[in-house]
C-alpha atoms as a PDB file:
ATOM      1  CA  MET A   1     169.945  73.384 137.931  1.00  0.00           C
ATOM      2  CA  TYR A   2     168.281  76.414 136.424  1.00  0.00           C
ATOM      3  CA  LEU A   3     167.148  79.309 138.571  1.00  0.00           C
ATOM      4  CA  ARG A   4     164.031  80.887 137.077  1.00  0.00           C
ATOM      5  CA  LYS A   5     163.865  84.031 139.110  1.00  0.00           C
ATOM      6  CA  LYS A   6     164.570  87.662 138.360  1.00  0.00           C
ATOM      7  CA  ILE A   7     167.274  88.954 140.679  1.00  0.00           C
ATOM      8  CA  LYS A   8     167.698  92.652 141.355  1.00  0.00           C
ATOM      9  CA  ARG A   9     171.182  94.026 141.857  1.00  0.00           C
ATOM     10  CA  MET A  10     170.604  94.872 145.516  1.00  0.00           C
ATOM     11  CA  ALA A  11     169.535  91.270 146.245  1.00  0.00           C
ATOM     12  CA  LEU A  12     172.308  89.627 144.213  1.00  0.00           C
ATOM     13  CA  VAL A  13     174.598  88.634 147.078  1.00  0.00           C
ATOM     14  CA  ALA A  14     171.800  87.552 149.420  1.00  0.00           C
ATOM     15  CA  THR A  15     170.207  85.396 146.715  1.00  0.00           C
ATOM     16  CA  PHE A  16     173.407  83.683 145.601  1.00  0.00           C
ATOM     17  CA  GLU A  17     174.672  83.048 149.148  1.00  0.00           C
ATOM     18  CA  GLU A  18     171.773  80.612 149.580  1.00  0.00           C
ATOM     19  CA  LEU A  19     172.520  78.655 146.378  1.00  0.00           C
ATOM     20  CA  PRO A  20     174.963  75.790 145.871  1.00  0.00           C
ATOM     21  CA  ARG A  21     178.146  76.749 144.002  1.00  0.00           C
ATOM     22  CA  CYS A  22     177.797  76.231 140.255  1.00  0.00           C
ATOM     23  CA  ILE A  23     178.398  77.750 136.824  1.00  0.00           C
ATOM     24  CA  VAL A  24     176.547  81.024 136.252  1.00  0.00           C
ATOM     25  CA  GLY A  25     176.067  82.085 132.657  1.00  0.00           C
ATOM     26  CA  MET A  26     175.423  85.703 131.740  1.00  0.00           C
ATOM     27  CA  GLU A  27     175.305  87.653 128.546  1.00  0.00           C
ATOM     28  CA  ALA A  28     178.004  90.292 128.107  1.00  0.00           C
ATOM     29  CA  CYS A  29     176.725  93.745 129.061  1.00  0.00           C
ATOM     30  CA  LEU A  30     177.881  96.799 130.984  1.00  0.00           C
ATOM     31  CA  SER A  31     177.360  95.269 134.419  1.00  0.00           C
ATOM     32  CA  ALA A  32     178.468  91.698 133.585  1.00  0.00           C
ATOM     33  CA  HIS A  33     182.030  92.193 134.866  1.00  0.00           C
ATOM     34  CA  PHE A  34     180.817  93.693 138.150  1.00  0.00           C
ATOM     35  CA  VAL A  35     178.419  90.789 138.688  1.00  0.00           C
ATOM     36  CA  SER A  36     181.093  88.305 137.617  1.00  0.00           C
ATOM     37  CA  ARG A  37     183.598  89.599 140.187  1.00  0.00           C
ATOM     38  CA  THR A  38     180.945  89.508 142.906  1.00  0.00           C
ATOM     39  CA  LEU A  39     179.963  85.933 142.084  1.00  0.00           C
ATOM     40  CA  ARG A  40     183.598  84.810 141.889  1.00  0.00           C
ATOM     41  CA  GLU A  41     184.150  86.145 145.435  1.00  0.00           C
ATOM     42  CA  LEU A  42     181.200  83.975 146.564  1.00  0.00           C
ATOM     43  CA  GLY A  43     182.766  80.864 145.010  1.00  0.00           C
ATOM     44  CA  PHE A  44     180.744  80.605 141.786  1.00  0.00           C
ATOM     45  CA  GLU A  45     182.128  80.097 138.286  1.00  0.00           C
ATOM     46  CA  PRO A  46     180.691  82.934 136.184  1.00  0.00           C
ATOM     47  CA  ARG A  47     180.804  82.736 132.394  1.00  0.00           C
ATOM     48  CA  ILE A  48     180.332  85.913 130.400  1.00  0.00           C
ATOM     49  CA  ILE A  49     179.080  84.986 126.954  1.00  0.00           C
ATOM     50  CA  PRO A  50     179.057  87.446 124.039  1.00  0.00           C
ATOM     51  CA  ALA A  51     175.622  88.041 122.520  1.00  0.00           C
ATOM     52  CA  VAL A  52     176.776  86.691 119.172  1.00  0.00           C
ATOM     53  CA  TYR A  53     177.245  83.242 120.785  1.00  0.00           C
ATOM     54  CA  VAL A  54     173.883  83.382 122.574  1.00  0.00           C
ATOM     55  CA  GLN A  55     171.842  84.343 119.511  1.00  0.00           C
ATOM     56  CA  PRO A  56     171.811  80.866 117.864  1.00  0.00           C
ATOM     57  CA  PHE A  57     170.211  79.404 121.020  1.00  0.00           C
ATOM     58  CA  ASN A  58     167.400  81.987 121.147  1.00  0.00           C
ATOM     59  CA  LYS A  59     163.960  80.630 120.344  1.00  0.00           C
ATOM     60  CA  GLY A  60     160.853  82.669 119.606  1.00  0.00           C
ATOM     61  CA  GLN A  61     160.250  86.271 120.536  1.00  0.00           C
ATOM     62  CA  LYS A  62     162.971  88.332 122.191  1.00  0.00           C
ATOM     63  CA  ASN A  63     162.107  88.737 125.872  1.00  0.00           C
ATOM     64  CA  ASP A  64     163.866  88.266 129.203  1.00  0.00           C
ATOM     65  CA  TYR A  65     162.633  84.704 129.717  1.00  0.00           C
ATOM     66  CA  ASN A  66     163.694  83.485 126.259  1.00  0.00           C
ATOM     67  CA  ASP A  67     167.015  85.329 126.565  1.00  0.00           C
ATOM     68  CA  ALA A  68     167.696  83.628 129.913  1.00  0.00           C
ATOM     69  CA  GLU A  69     166.938  80.199 128.421  1.00  0.00           C
ATOM     70  CA  ALA A  70     169.311  80.893 125.517  1.00  0.00           C
ATOM     71  CA  ILE A  71     172.079  82.093 127.847  1.00  0.00           C
ATOM     72  CA  ALA A  72     171.697  78.953 129.995  1.00  0.00           C
ATOM     73  CA  GLU A  73     171.940  76.714 126.927  1.00  0.00           C
ATOM     74  CA  ALA A  74     174.950  78.647 125.613  1.00  0.00           C
ATOM     75  CA  ALA A  75     176.690  78.447 129.017  1.00  0.00           C
ATOM     76  CA  SER A  76     176.178  74.699 129.233  1.00  0.00           C
ATOM     77  CA  ALA A  77     177.362  74.253 125.625  1.00  0.00           C
ATOM     78  CA  THR A  78     180.620  76.058 126.418  1.00  0.00           C
ATOM     79  CA  GLN A  79     181.537  73.490 129.086  1.00  0.00           C
ATOM     80  CA  SER A  80     183.068  71.315 126.409  1.00  0.00           C
ATOM     81  CA  GLN A  81     184.845  74.159 124.607  1.00  0.00           C
ATOM     82  CA  ASP A  82     187.985  75.990 125.619  1.00  0.00           C
ATOM     83  CA  GLY A  83     187.355  79.600 126.375  1.00  0.00           C
ATOM     84  CA  PHE A  84     185.070  82.459 125.597  1.00  0.00           C
END
């Protein structure tokens, strides 16, 4: 399942409480560890992926939508690999 919705930080917990527990992929950034801890407390499995691993999956122009697609593909590709 892919969620195609922008989520603001203040609505993070409320939005994810309504979703079924799953893997959540996110690109490494300053707030990724904060979001990861929050999601782990809610029962999700967050995966922080370094940008260098996301870049090969990026298609077309660099924008939020294309970045999100690339992160989702990278997160699902890491299911068969050990660690990031």
